[in-house]
């Protein structure tokens, strides 16, 4: 058993893993798709409209003939991250995994739309550091807690206020807003922009940065 454990430890040691280059690279894939791979990372409180923006943005890009893929935080917890809870450590691992998947999708030439609360600034910054800074766009859904709690589409704020959910972001666990996000979406004169308006803002940004052509 001991020898087996030693062998397994040796095989799992990253020193014995080597990168294998493939003849078709990101540039070729981007040329095929006529777009540039990147990550649009949407962050904000629960109920701020992240998933609505992500899905609307995906539809807008699809209508323009651009290939995108949405990584939704809740959806990923049904599969890839179903073994993770909501402790600070599990939240960090959750974001790390999503960041690595998003990096792969961007390398494939896709516009990856990641929609997660991702409350901790250091975790989002770690995802940004996975690829060139110019290929990572942080979209901050800057909606007040009162608005998000008033929406409460999943009934989670109500449960958190009743003490039935512990460590809920915005109630008894902190949310650290971005310090230098590329796009900030918020209310104007107390009115939230429509999903199409929000998506249009992101699409315009991607167009101006040259990501909708190879």
N, C-alpha and C. Protein backbone atom coordinates (compact mmCIF):
# COMPACT_ATOMS: atom_id res chain seq x y z
N UNK A 1 0.84 -1.20 0.00
CA UNK A 1 0.00 0.00 0.00
C UNK A 1 0.88 1.26 0.00
N UNK A 2 1.95 1.21 0.82
CA UNK A 2 2.83 2.36 0.90
C UNK A 2 3.47 2.66 -0.44
N UNK A 3 3.98 1.58 -1.12
CA UNK A 3 4.60 1.77 -2.43
C UNK A 3 3.59 2.33 -3.42
N UNK A 4 2.34 1.85 -3.31
CA UNK A 4 1.30 2.31 -4.22
C UNK A 4 1.05 3.80 -4.02
N UNK A 5 1.01 4.23 -2.74
CA UNK A 5 0.77 5.64 -2.44
C UNK A 5 1.91 6.49 -2.96
N UNK A 6 3.15 5.97 -2.80
CA UNK A 6 4.31 6.70 -3.28
C UNK A 6 4.23 6.84 -4.80
N UNK A 7 3.86 5.75 -5.46
CA UNK A 7 3.75 5.76 -6.92
C UNK A 7 2.68 6.76 -7.36
N UNK A 8 1.54 6.72 -6.66
CA UNK A 8 0.47 7.63 -7.01
C UNK A 8 0.89 9.08 -6.80
N UNK A 9 1.63 9.31 -5.73
CA UNK A 9 2.11 10.66 -5.46
C UNK A 9 3.06 11.14 -6.53
N UNK A 10 3.90 10.22 -7.02
CA UNK A 10 4.83 10.57 -8.07
C UNK A 10 4.11 10.91 -9.35
N UNK A 11 3.10 10.09 -9.69
CA UNK A 11 2.36 10.32 -10.92
C UNK A 11 1.57 11.62 -10.88
N UNK A 12 1.12 12.01 -9.67
CA UNK A 12 0.32 13.21 -9.53
C UNK A 12 1.17 14.47 -9.39
N UNK A 13 2.47 14.30 -9.22
CA UNK A 13 3.35 15.45 -9.06
C UNK A 13 3.41 16.24 -10.36
N UNK A 14 3.17 17.55 -10.27
CA UNK A 14 3.14 18.38 -11.47
C UNK A 14 4.47 18.40 -12.21
N UNK A 15 5.55 18.01 -11.53
CA UNK A 15 6.85 17.98 -12.19
C UNK A 15 6.90 16.93 -13.28
N UNK A 16 5.97 15.98 -13.25
CA UNK A 16 5.95 14.91 -14.26
C UNK A 16 4.89 15.13 -15.33
N UNK A 17 4.37 16.36 -15.42
CA UNK A 17 3.35 16.69 -16.41
C UNK A 17 3.94 17.69 -17.40
N UNK A 18 3.73 17.44 -18.67
CA UNK A 18 4.34 18.27 -19.70
C UNK A 18 3.28 18.83 -20.64
N UNK A 19 3.48 20.06 -21.08
CA UNK A 19 2.55 20.72 -21.99
C UNK A 19 2.75 20.17 -23.40
N UNK A 20 1.64 19.82 -24.06
CA UNK A 20 1.70 19.30 -25.42
C UNK A 20 1.14 20.33 -26.39
N UNK A 21 1.97 20.81 -27.27
CA UNK A 21 1.55 21.81 -28.26
C UNK A 21 0.82 21.13 -29.41
N UNK A 22 -0.22 21.81 -29.92
CA UNK A 22 -0.98 21.32 -31.07
C UNK A 22 -0.74 22.23 -32.27
N UNK A 23 -0.81 21.70 -33.48
CA UNK A 23 -0.51 22.50 -34.67
C UNK A 23 -1.53 23.61 -34.95
N UNK A 24 -2.76 23.43 -34.49
CA UNK A 24 -3.78 24.46 -34.68
C UNK A 24 -3.88 25.28 -33.40
N UNK A 25 -3.58 26.57 -33.50
CA UNK A 25 -3.55 27.42 -32.32
C UNK A 25 -4.71 28.41 -32.27
N UNK A 26 -4.66 29.27 -31.29
CA UNK A 26 -5.75 30.23 -31.09
C UNK A 26 -5.95 31.13 -32.30
N UNK A 27 -4.86 31.57 -32.91
CA UNK A 27 -4.97 32.47 -34.06
C UNK A 27 -5.75 31.82 -35.20
N UNK A 28 -5.48 30.53 -35.44
CA UNK A 28 -6.20 29.82 -36.51
C UNK A 28 -7.68 29.65 -36.17
N UNK A 29 -7.95 29.36 -34.92
CA UNK A 29 -9.35 29.19 -34.51
C UNK A 29 -10.12 30.51 -34.60
N UNK A 30 -9.46 31.59 -34.20
CA UNK A 30 -10.11 32.89 -34.28
C UNK A 30 -10.37 33.30 -35.72
N UNK A 31 -9.46 32.99 -36.59
CA UNK A 31 -9.65 33.30 -38.00
C UNK A 31 -10.83 32.51 -38.57
N UNK A 32 -10.96 31.26 -38.16
CA UNK A 32 -12.06 30.42 -38.61
C UNK A 32 -13.40 30.99 -38.16
N UNK A 33 -13.44 31.51 -36.93
CA UNK A 33 -14.69 32.03 -36.36
C UNK A 33 -14.91 33.51 -36.68
N UNK A 34 -13.88 34.17 -37.18
CA UNK A 34 -13.93 35.61 -37.45
C UNK A 34 -14.32 36.40 -36.19
N UNK A 35 -13.65 36.08 -35.12
CA UNK A 35 -13.82 36.80 -33.86
C UNK A 35 -12.60 36.50 -33.00
N UNK A 36 -12.48 37.18 -31.88
CA UNK A 36 -11.37 36.96 -30.97
C UNK A 36 -11.88 36.46 -29.63
N UNK A 37 -11.22 35.45 -29.10
CA UNK A 37 -11.63 34.87 -27.84
C UNK A 37 -11.35 35.81 -26.67
N UNK A 38 -12.27 35.85 -25.73
CA UNK A 38 -12.10 36.69 -24.55
C UNK A 38 -13.05 36.22 -23.46
N UNK A 39 -12.94 36.82 -22.29
CA UNK A 39 -13.82 36.51 -21.17
C UNK A 39 -14.56 37.78 -20.76
N UNK A 40 -15.87 37.69 -20.73
CA UNK A 40 -16.70 38.76 -20.18
C UNK A 40 -17.18 38.25 -18.82
N UNK A 41 -16.61 38.79 -17.75
CA UNK A 41 -16.89 38.29 -16.39
C UNK A 41 -17.91 39.21 -15.73
N UNK A 42 -19.13 38.72 -15.53
CA UNK A 42 -20.21 39.51 -14.95
C UNK A 42 -20.30 39.19 -13.46
N UNK A 43 -20.14 40.20 -12.62
CA UNK A 43 -20.15 40.01 -11.18
C UNK A 43 -21.15 40.96 -10.52
N UNK A 44 -21.67 40.56 -9.39
CA UNK A 44 -22.62 41.39 -8.67
C UNK A 44 -23.42 40.56 -7.69
N UNK A 45 -24.22 41.21 -6.90
CA UNK A 45 -25.03 40.53 -5.90
C UNK A 45 -26.06 39.61 -6.53
N UNK A 46 -26.54 38.66 -5.76
CA UNK A 46 -27.65 37.83 -6.21
C UNK A 46 -28.86 38.74 -6.48
N UNK A 47 -29.48 38.56 -7.63
CA UNK A 47 -30.63 39.38 -7.98
C UNK A 47 -30.28 40.67 -8.70
N UNK A 48 -29.00 40.88 -8.99
CA UNK A 48 -28.59 42.13 -9.65
C UNK A 48 -28.82 42.10 -11.15
N UNK A 49 -29.09 40.91 -11.70
CA UNK A 49 -29.36 40.82 -13.13
C UNK A 49 -28.25 40.19 -13.95
N UNK A 50 -27.34 39.49 -13.29
CA UNK A 50 -26.20 38.89 -13.99
C UNK A 50 -26.62 37.88 -15.05
N UNK A 51 -27.46 36.92 -14.64
CA UNK A 51 -27.88 35.87 -15.58
C UNK A 51 -28.71 36.44 -16.71
N UNK A 52 -29.54 37.43 -16.40
CA UNK A 52 -30.36 38.07 -17.44
C UNK A 52 -29.46 38.73 -18.47
N UNK A 53 -28.45 39.45 -18.00
CA UNK A 53 -27.51 40.09 -18.93
C UNK A 53 -26.75 39.04 -19.73
N UNK A 54 -26.27 38.00 -19.05
CA UNK A 54 -25.47 36.98 -19.72
C UNK A 54 -26.24 36.33 -20.87
N UNK A 55 -27.48 35.95 -20.60
CA UNK A 55 -28.29 35.28 -21.64
C UNK A 55 -28.68 36.23 -22.76
N UNK A 56 -28.98 37.47 -22.41
CA UNK A 56 -29.33 38.46 -23.44
C UNK A 56 -28.12 38.78 -24.29
N UNK A 57 -26.96 38.89 -23.66
CA UNK A 57 -25.72 39.15 -24.40
C UNK A 57 -25.42 37.99 -25.34
N UNK A 58 -25.59 36.76 -24.85
CA UNK A 58 -25.36 35.59 -25.70
C UNK A 58 -26.26 35.60 -26.91
N UNK A 59 -27.52 36.00 -26.73
CA UNK A 59 -28.47 36.06 -27.85
C UNK A 59 -28.07 37.16 -28.84
N UNK A 60 -27.67 38.32 -28.32
CA UNK A 60 -27.26 39.43 -29.19
C UNK A 60 -26.05 39.03 -30.04
N UNK A 61 -25.09 38.36 -29.43
CA UNK A 61 -23.91 37.94 -30.16
C UNK A 61 -24.26 36.88 -31.19
N UNK A 62 -25.16 35.96 -30.81
CA UNK A 62 -25.60 34.93 -31.75
C UNK A 62 -26.25 35.56 -32.98
N UNK A 63 -27.06 36.58 -32.76
CA UNK A 63 -27.73 37.26 -33.88
C UNK A 63 -26.73 37.96 -34.79
N UNK A 64 -25.56 38.27 -34.26
CA UNK A 64 -24.51 38.90 -35.05
C UNK A 64 -23.59 37.86 -35.69
N UNK A 65 -23.92 36.58 -35.50
CA UNK A 65 -23.10 35.52 -36.06
C UNK A 65 -21.84 35.25 -35.29
N UNK A 66 -21.83 35.61 -33.99
CA UNK A 66 -20.65 35.42 -33.15
C UNK A 66 -20.92 34.31 -32.14
N UNK A 67 -19.90 33.48 -31.93
CA UNK A 67 -20.04 32.31 -31.07
C UNK A 67 -19.63 32.63 -29.64
N UNK A 68 -20.56 32.44 -28.72
CA UNK A 68 -20.28 32.68 -27.31
C UNK A 68 -20.78 31.50 -26.50
N UNK A 69 -20.39 31.47 -25.23
CA UNK A 69 -20.89 30.43 -24.33
C UNK A 69 -21.01 31.01 -22.93
N UNK A 70 -22.15 30.76 -22.29
CA UNK A 70 -22.40 31.29 -20.96
C UNK A 70 -22.03 30.26 -19.89
N UNK A 71 -21.20 30.66 -18.95
CA UNK A 71 -20.89 29.87 -17.77
C UNK A 71 -21.65 30.50 -16.60
N UNK A 72 -22.77 29.90 -16.25
CA UNK A 72 -23.60 30.44 -15.17
C UNK A 72 -23.25 29.75 -13.85
N UNK A 73 -23.07 30.56 -12.82
CA UNK A 73 -22.64 30.03 -11.53
C UNK A 73 -23.54 28.94 -10.99
N UNK A 74 -24.85 29.15 -11.01
CA UNK A 74 -25.79 28.15 -10.50
C UNK A 74 -25.76 26.89 -11.35
N UNK A 75 -25.71 27.05 -12.66
CA UNK A 75 -25.69 25.89 -13.55
C UNK A 75 -24.45 25.03 -13.31
N UNK A 76 -23.30 25.68 -13.10
CA UNK A 76 -22.06 24.93 -12.89
C UNK A 76 -22.06 24.16 -11.58
N UNK A 77 -22.85 24.62 -10.61
CA UNK A 77 -22.94 23.91 -9.34
C UNK A 77 -23.82 22.66 -9.45
N UNK A 78 -24.42 22.45 -10.60
CA UNK A 78 -25.14 21.20 -10.85
C UNK A 78 -24.21 20.11 -11.40
N UNK A 79 -23.00 20.51 -11.80
CA UNK A 79 -22.10 19.54 -12.40
C UNK A 79 -20.66 19.74 -11.96
N UNK A 80 -19.94 20.58 -12.68
CA UNK A 80 -18.52 20.80 -12.43
C UNK A 80 -18.22 21.10 -10.97
N UNK A 81 -19.04 21.93 -10.34
CA UNK A 81 -18.77 22.37 -8.98
C UNK A 81 -19.80 21.88 -7.96
N UNK A 82 -20.44 20.75 -8.26
CA UNK A 82 -21.49 20.27 -7.37
C UNK A 82 -20.96 19.78 -6.03
N UNK A 83 -19.67 19.55 -5.92
CA UNK A 83 -19.10 19.08 -4.66
C UNK A 83 -18.61 20.22 -3.78
N UNK A 84 -18.91 21.47 -4.17
CA UNK A 84 -18.45 22.62 -3.41
C UNK A 84 -19.59 23.29 -2.66
N UNK A 85 -19.27 23.79 -1.48
CA UNK A 85 -20.25 24.52 -0.70
C UNK A 85 -20.04 26.01 -0.84
N UNK A 86 -20.29 26.75 0.25
CA UNK A 86 -20.19 28.20 0.18
C UNK A 86 -19.29 28.78 1.26
N UNK A 87 -18.36 27.95 1.75
CA UNK A 87 -17.34 28.49 2.64
C UNK A 87 -16.41 29.37 1.80
N UNK A 88 -15.65 30.26 2.43
CA UNK A 88 -14.71 31.08 1.66
C UNK A 88 -13.77 30.24 0.81
N UNK A 89 -13.33 29.10 1.36
CA UNK A 89 -12.42 28.24 0.61
C UNK A 89 -13.12 27.63 -0.61
N UNK A 90 -14.34 27.18 -0.42
CA UNK A 90 -15.08 26.59 -1.54
C UNK A 90 -15.45 27.64 -2.58
N UNK A 91 -15.75 28.84 -2.14
CA UNK A 91 -16.03 29.92 -3.10
C UNK A 91 -14.81 30.19 -3.96
N UNK A 92 -13.64 30.21 -3.33
CA UNK A 92 -12.40 30.45 -4.07
C UNK A 92 -12.15 29.34 -5.08
N UNK A 93 -12.34 28.09 -4.68
CA UNK A 93 -12.16 26.97 -5.60
C UNK A 93 -13.19 27.00 -6.72
N UNK A 94 -14.40 27.40 -6.39
CA UNK A 94 -15.46 27.52 -7.39
C UNK A 94 -15.04 28.49 -8.49
N UNK A 95 -14.55 29.65 -8.09
CA UNK A 95 -14.13 30.67 -9.06
C UNK A 95 -12.88 30.22 -9.82
N UNK A 96 -11.97 29.55 -9.12
CA UNK A 96 -10.76 29.07 -9.81
C UNK A 96 -11.11 28.12 -10.94
N UNK A 97 -12.01 27.17 -10.66
CA UNK A 97 -12.40 26.21 -11.70
C UNK A 97 -13.07 26.91 -12.87
N UNK A 98 -13.98 27.83 -12.56
CA UNK A 98 -14.68 28.53 -13.65
C UNK A 98 -13.68 29.36 -14.46
N UNK A 99 -12.74 29.97 -13.78
CA UNK A 99 -11.73 30.75 -14.49
C UNK A 99 -10.92 29.91 -15.46
N UNK A 100 -10.56 28.70 -15.03
CA UNK A 100 -9.79 27.82 -15.91
C UNK A 100 -10.62 27.36 -17.11
N UNK A 101 -11.89 27.07 -16.89
CA UNK A 101 -12.76 26.68 -18.00
C UNK A 101 -12.94 27.86 -18.95
N UNK A 102 -13.16 29.05 -18.39
CA UNK A 102 -13.33 30.24 -19.21
C UNK A 102 -12.09 30.50 -20.06
N UNK A 103 -10.94 30.27 -19.48
CA UNK A 103 -9.68 30.45 -20.21
C UNK A 103 -9.62 29.51 -21.42
N UNK A 104 -10.04 28.26 -21.23
CA UNK A 104 -10.04 27.30 -22.33
C UNK A 104 -10.99 27.73 -23.44
N UNK A 105 -12.17 28.22 -23.06
CA UNK A 105 -13.14 28.65 -24.06
C UNK A 105 -12.62 29.86 -24.83
N UNK A 106 -11.97 30.78 -24.13
CA UNK A 106 -11.39 31.94 -24.80
C UNK A 106 -10.27 31.51 -25.74
N UNK A 107 -9.48 30.54 -25.32
CA UNK A 107 -8.41 30.03 -26.17
C UNK A 107 -8.98 29.35 -27.41
N UNK A 108 -10.18 28.77 -27.28
CA UNK A 108 -10.84 28.14 -28.42
C UNK A 108 -11.39 29.18 -29.40
N UNK A 109 -11.35 30.46 -29.01
CA UNK A 109 -11.82 31.52 -29.88
C UNK A 109 -13.21 32.01 -29.56
N UNK A 110 -13.81 31.46 -28.49
CA UNK A 110 -15.16 31.85 -28.11
C UNK A 110 -15.15 33.11 -27.24
N UNK A 111 -16.28 33.79 -27.24
CA UNK A 111 -16.50 34.87 -26.29
C UNK A 111 -17.18 34.22 -25.09
N UNK A 112 -16.44 34.02 -24.03
CA UNK A 112 -16.96 33.33 -22.85
C UNK A 112 -17.60 34.35 -21.92
N UNK A 113 -18.86 34.11 -21.58
CA UNK A 113 -19.60 34.99 -20.69
C UNK A 113 -19.77 34.27 -19.35
N UNK A 114 -19.01 34.71 -18.36
CA UNK A 114 -19.07 34.08 -17.04
C UNK A 114 -19.96 34.92 -16.13
N UNK A 115 -20.99 34.30 -15.58
CA UNK A 115 -21.95 35.02 -14.75
C UNK A 115 -21.97 34.41 -13.35
N UNK A 116 -21.28 35.06 -12.42
CA UNK A 116 -21.18 34.55 -11.05
C UNK A 116 -21.13 35.71 -10.07
N UNK A 117 -21.65 35.49 -8.87
CA UNK A 117 -21.53 36.52 -7.84
C UNK A 117 -20.06 36.85 -7.64
N UNK A 118 -19.22 35.83 -7.55
CA UNK A 118 -17.76 35.99 -7.36
C UNK A 118 -17.47 37.15 -6.43
N UNK A 119 -17.79 37.00 -5.14
CA UNK A 119 -17.76 38.13 -4.21
C UNK A 119 -16.38 38.66 -3.84
N UNK A 120 -15.35 37.82 -3.99
CA UNK A 120 -14.04 38.24 -3.50
C UNK A 120 -13.16 38.77 -4.62
N UNK A 121 -12.64 39.95 -4.41
CA UNK A 121 -11.85 40.65 -5.42
C UNK A 121 -10.62 39.84 -5.84
N UNK A 122 -9.96 39.22 -4.86
CA UNK A 122 -8.74 38.47 -5.17
C UNK A 122 -9.01 37.29 -6.09
N UNK A 123 -10.18 36.67 -5.95
CA UNK A 123 -10.53 35.54 -6.81
C UNK A 123 -10.77 36.00 -8.25
N UNK A 124 -11.46 37.12 -8.40
CA UNK A 124 -11.69 37.66 -9.75
C UNK A 124 -10.37 38.10 -10.38
N UNK A 125 -9.51 38.70 -9.57
CA UNK A 125 -8.21 39.12 -10.08
C UNK A 125 -7.37 37.92 -10.51
N UNK A 126 -7.51 36.81 -9.81
CA UNK A 126 -6.78 35.60 -10.19
C UNK A 126 -7.24 35.09 -11.54
N UNK A 127 -8.53 35.20 -11.81
CA UNK A 127 -9.05 34.79 -13.11
C UNK A 127 -8.55 35.72 -14.21
N UNK A 128 -8.53 37.00 -13.92
CA UNK A 128 -8.01 37.97 -14.89
C UNK A 128 -6.56 37.65 -15.25
N UNK A 129 -5.79 37.22 -14.26
CA UNK A 129 -4.37 36.95 -14.46
C UNK A 129 -4.11 35.70 -15.30
N UNK A 130 -5.15 34.91 -15.57
CA UNK A 130 -4.97 33.69 -16.36
C UNK A 130 -4.72 33.96 -17.83
N UNK A 131 -5.06 35.14 -18.32
CA UNK A 131 -4.87 35.47 -19.72
C UNK A 131 -4.53 36.95 -19.83
N UNK A 132 -4.09 37.39 -21.00
CA UNK A 132 -3.73 38.81 -21.13
C UNK A 132 -4.86 39.72 -20.65
N UNK A 133 -4.48 40.77 -19.93
CA UNK A 133 -5.47 41.66 -19.33
C UNK A 133 -6.45 42.23 -20.35
N UNK A 134 -5.98 42.45 -21.56
CA UNK A 134 -6.83 43.04 -22.59
C UNK A 134 -7.91 42.08 -23.07
N UNK A 135 -7.84 40.82 -22.66
CA UNK A 135 -8.82 39.81 -23.08
C UNK A 135 -9.80 39.44 -21.97
N UNK A 136 -9.78 40.19 -20.89
CA UNK A 136 -10.65 39.95 -19.75
C UNK A 136 -11.40 41.23 -19.43
N UNK A 137 -12.73 41.15 -19.47
CA UNK A 137 -13.54 42.32 -19.22
C UNK A 137 -14.46 42.07 -18.03
N UNK A 138 -14.31 42.88 -17.01
CA UNK A 138 -15.12 42.74 -15.82
C UNK A 138 -16.33 43.66 -15.92
N UNK A 139 -17.52 43.07 -15.84
CA UNK A 139 -18.76 43.83 -15.89
C UNK A 139 -19.38 43.81 -14.50
N UNK A 140 -19.48 44.95 -13.89
CA UNK A 140 -19.99 45.06 -12.52
C UNK A 140 -21.45 45.48 -12.56
N UNK A 141 -22.32 44.57 -12.10
CA UNK A 141 -23.74 44.90 -11.97
C UNK A 141 -23.93 45.64 -10.65
N UNK A 142 -23.75 46.94 -10.71
CA UNK A 142 -23.76 47.76 -9.50
C UNK A 142 -25.19 48.15 -9.13
N UNK A 143 -25.90 47.20 -8.60
CA UNK A 143 -27.28 47.41 -8.17
C UNK A 143 -27.34 47.40 -6.64
N UNK A 144 -28.09 48.33 -6.05
CA UNK A 144 -28.15 48.39 -4.58
C UNK A 144 -28.75 47.14 -3.97
N UNK A 145 -28.30 46.85 -2.77
CA UNK A 145 -28.78 45.66 -2.06
C UNK A 145 -30.30 45.68 -1.91
N UNK A 146 -30.86 46.84 -1.63
CA UNK A 146 -32.32 46.93 -1.44
C UNK A 146 -33.06 46.50 -2.69
N UNK A 147 -32.54 46.86 -3.85
CA UNK A 147 -33.17 46.46 -5.11
C UNK A 147 -33.08 44.95 -5.30
N UNK A 148 -31.89 44.41 -5.09
CA UNK A 148 -31.67 42.97 -5.27
C UNK A 148 -32.52 42.16 -4.29
N UNK A 149 -32.58 42.65 -3.06
CA UNK A 149 -33.37 41.95 -2.05
C UNK A 149 -34.86 42.06 -2.35
N UNK A 150 -35.26 43.20 -2.91
CA UNK A 150 -36.66 43.37 -3.28
C UNK A 150 -37.07 42.44 -4.41
N UNK A 151 -36.15 42.18 -5.31
CA UNK A 151 -36.44 41.24 -6.40
C UNK A 151 -36.50 39.82 -5.85
N UNK A 152 -35.40 39.42 -5.18
CA UNK A 152 -35.28 38.11 -4.54
C UNK A 152 -35.91 36.99 -5.40
N UNK A 153 -35.47 36.82 -6.65
CA UNK A 153 -36.12 35.87 -7.55
C UNK A 153 -36.08 34.42 -7.08
N UNK A 154 -35.10 34.08 -6.26
CA UNK A 154 -34.97 32.70 -5.79
C UNK A 154 -35.41 32.54 -4.33
N UNK A 155 -35.82 33.63 -3.71
CA UNK A 155 -36.23 33.56 -2.31
C UNK A 155 -35.09 33.38 -1.34
N UNK A 156 -33.86 33.66 -1.79
CA UNK A 156 -32.69 33.39 -0.95
C UNK A 156 -32.48 34.47 0.11
N UNK A 157 -32.77 35.71 -0.24
CA UNK A 157 -32.60 36.78 0.75
C UNK A 157 -33.54 36.55 1.94
N UNK A 158 -34.74 36.14 1.64
CA UNK A 158 -35.71 35.87 2.70
C UNK A 158 -35.20 34.78 3.63
N UNK A 159 -34.63 33.74 3.05
CA UNK A 159 -34.08 32.65 3.86
C UNK A 159 -32.88 33.13 4.67
N UNK A 160 -32.04 33.97 4.04
CA UNK A 160 -30.86 34.49 4.74
C UNK A 160 -31.26 35.38 5.90
N UNK A 161 -32.25 36.23 5.70
CA UNK A 161 -32.72 37.11 6.76
C UNK A 161 -33.33 36.30 7.91
N UNK A 162 -33.90 35.16 7.58
CA UNK A 162 -34.50 34.30 8.61
C UNK A 162 -33.46 33.41 9.28
N UNK A 163 -32.21 33.53 8.85
CA UNK A 163 -31.15 32.73 9.45
C UNK A 163 -31.08 31.30 8.96
N UNK A 164 -31.82 31.00 7.89
CA UNK A 164 -31.84 29.64 7.36
C UNK A 164 -30.71 29.38 6.36
N UNK A 165 -30.08 30.46 5.89
CA UNK A 165 -28.91 30.35 5.03
C UNK A 165 -27.81 31.17 5.69
N UNK A 166 -26.66 30.55 5.90
CA UNK A 166 -25.53 31.24 6.50
C UNK A 166 -24.49 31.58 5.44
N UNK A 167 -23.79 32.69 5.65
CA UNK A 167 -22.74 33.10 4.72
C UNK A 167 -23.29 33.57 3.40
N UNK A 168 -24.43 34.25 3.41
CA UNK A 168 -25.05 34.71 2.17
C UNK A 168 -24.49 36.09 1.80
N UNK A 169 -24.00 36.20 0.59
CA UNK A 169 -23.36 37.43 0.14
C UNK A 169 -24.31 38.62 0.22
N UNK A 170 -23.82 39.67 0.87
CA UNK A 170 -24.61 40.88 1.02
C UNK A 170 -25.36 40.95 2.33
N UNK A 171 -25.52 39.81 3.00
CA UNK A 171 -26.23 39.78 4.27
C UNK A 171 -25.25 39.51 5.41
N UNK A 172 -24.67 38.32 5.44
CA UNK A 172 -23.68 38.03 6.48
C UNK A 172 -22.35 37.58 5.90
N UNK A 173 -22.14 37.85 4.62
CA UNK A 173 -20.85 37.60 3.98
C UNK A 173 -20.61 38.77 3.03
N UNK A 174 -19.38 39.29 2.96
CA UNK A 174 -19.15 40.52 2.20
C UNK A 174 -19.12 40.33 0.68
N UNK A 175 -19.45 41.41 -0.01
CA UNK A 175 -19.21 41.48 -1.45
C UNK A 175 -18.21 42.60 -1.67
N UNK A 176 -17.12 42.29 -2.35
CA UNK A 176 -16.07 43.27 -2.62
C UNK A 176 -16.21 43.77 -4.05
N UNK A 177 -16.70 44.99 -4.23
CA UNK A 177 -16.92 45.50 -5.60
C UNK A 177 -15.60 45.70 -6.34
N UNK A 178 -15.64 45.60 -7.66
CA UNK A 178 -14.42 45.84 -8.45
C UNK A 178 -13.90 47.25 -8.25
N UNK A 179 -12.60 47.41 -8.35
CA UNK A 179 -11.99 48.72 -8.23
C UNK A 179 -11.73 49.34 -9.61
N UNK A 180 -11.52 48.50 -10.60
CA UNK A 180 -11.21 49.00 -11.94
C UNK A 180 -11.88 48.15 -13.01
N UNK A 181 -13.21 48.02 -12.92
CA UNK A 181 -13.92 47.22 -13.91
C UNK A 181 -13.97 47.95 -15.25
N UNK A 182 -14.09 47.18 -16.32
CA UNK A 182 -14.19 47.77 -17.65
C UNK A 182 -15.58 48.35 -17.91
N UNK A 183 -16.60 47.71 -17.38
CA UNK A 183 -17.98 48.16 -17.61
C UNK A 183 -18.73 48.14 -16.28
N UNK A 184 -19.44 49.20 -15.99
CA UNK A 184 -20.28 49.27 -14.80
C UNK A 184 -21.71 49.56 -15.22
N UNK A 185 -22.62 48.72 -14.78
CA UNK A 185 -24.02 48.89 -15.13
C UNK A 185 -24.80 49.21 -13.86
N UNK A 186 -25.54 50.30 -13.89
CA UNK A 186 -26.27 50.74 -12.71
C UNK A 186 -27.55 51.45 -13.09
N UNK A 187 -28.29 51.83 -12.09
CA UNK A 187 -29.53 52.55 -12.32
C UNK A 187 -29.25 54.00 -12.76
N UNK A 188 -30.17 54.55 -13.53
CA UNK A 188 -30.12 55.95 -13.89
C UNK A 188 -31.44 56.58 -13.48
N UNK A 189 -31.33 57.56 -12.58
CA UNK A 189 -32.53 58.20 -12.04
C UNK A 189 -33.48 57.16 -11.44
N UNK A 190 -32.89 56.16 -10.79
CA UNK A 190 -33.69 55.15 -10.12
C UNK A 190 -34.28 54.09 -11.02
N UNK A 191 -33.90 54.10 -12.30
CA UNK A 191 -34.45 53.13 -13.25
C UNK A 191 -33.33 52.23 -13.78
N UNK A 192 -33.57 50.93 -13.77
CA UNK A 192 -32.59 49.98 -14.29
C UNK A 192 -32.67 49.93 -15.82
N UNK A 193 -31.54 49.87 -16.49
CA UNK A 193 -31.59 49.71 -17.95
C UNK A 193 -32.21 48.37 -18.31
N UNK A 194 -32.81 48.29 -19.48
CA UNK A 194 -33.43 47.04 -19.93
C UNK A 194 -32.35 46.03 -20.27
N UNK A 195 -32.68 44.73 -20.32
CA UNK A 195 -31.68 43.72 -20.69
C UNK A 195 -31.02 44.02 -22.03
N UNK A 196 -31.79 44.47 -23.02
CA UNK A 196 -31.22 44.76 -24.34
C UNK A 196 -30.27 45.95 -24.27
N UNK A 197 -30.59 46.93 -23.43
CA UNK A 197 -29.70 48.09 -23.28
C UNK A 197 -28.38 47.68 -22.63
N UNK A 198 -28.48 46.83 -21.61
CA UNK A 198 -27.27 46.36 -20.94
C UNK A 198 -26.41 45.55 -21.90
N UNK A 199 -27.04 44.63 -22.61
CA UNK A 199 -26.30 43.80 -23.57
C UNK A 199 -25.69 44.65 -24.66
N UNK A 200 -26.43 45.66 -25.11
CA UNK A 200 -25.92 46.55 -26.15
C UNK A 200 -24.67 47.28 -25.71
N UNK A 201 -24.63 47.65 -24.45
CA UNK A 201 -23.45 48.33 -23.91
C UNK A 201 -22.22 47.43 -23.98
N UNK A 202 -22.40 46.15 -23.66
CA UNK A 202 -21.28 45.21 -23.70
C UNK A 202 -20.88 44.91 -25.14
N UNK A 203 -21.87 44.72 -26.02
CA UNK A 203 -21.59 44.45 -27.43
C UNK A 203 -20.80 45.60 -28.04
N UNK A 204 -21.20 46.83 -27.74
CA UNK A 204 -20.50 48.00 -28.27
C UNK A 204 -19.05 48.02 -27.79
N UNK A 205 -18.85 47.64 -26.53
CA UNK A 205 -17.50 47.60 -25.98
C UNK A 205 -16.65 46.57 -26.73
N UNK A 206 -17.22 45.40 -26.96
CA UNK A 206 -16.49 44.35 -27.68
C UNK A 206 -16.19 44.76 -29.11
N UNK A 207 -17.13 45.43 -29.74
CA UNK A 207 -16.92 45.91 -31.11
C UNK A 207 -15.79 46.94 -31.15
N UNK A 208 -15.82 47.88 -30.22
CA UNK A 208 -14.80 48.93 -30.20
C UNK A 208 -13.41 48.37 -29.91
N UNK A 209 -13.36 47.27 -29.18
CA UNK A 209 -12.07 46.65 -28.86
C UNK A 209 -11.61 45.65 -29.93
N UNK A 210 -12.43 45.46 -30.96
CA UNK A 210 -12.05 44.61 -32.07
C UNK A 210 -12.23 43.12 -31.86
N UNK A 211 -13.09 42.72 -30.91
CA UNK A 211 -13.24 41.30 -30.63
C UNK A 211 -14.31 40.62 -31.49
N UNK A 212 -15.05 41.38 -32.26
CA UNK A 212 -16.07 40.78 -33.11
C UNK A 212 -15.61 40.59 -34.53
N UNK A 213 -14.29 40.61 -34.71
CA UNK A 213 -13.69 40.28 -35.99
C UNK A 213 -12.29 39.72 -35.73
N UNK A 214 -11.80 38.92 -36.65
CA UNK A 214 -10.50 38.30 -36.44
C UNK A 214 -9.40 39.18 -37.03
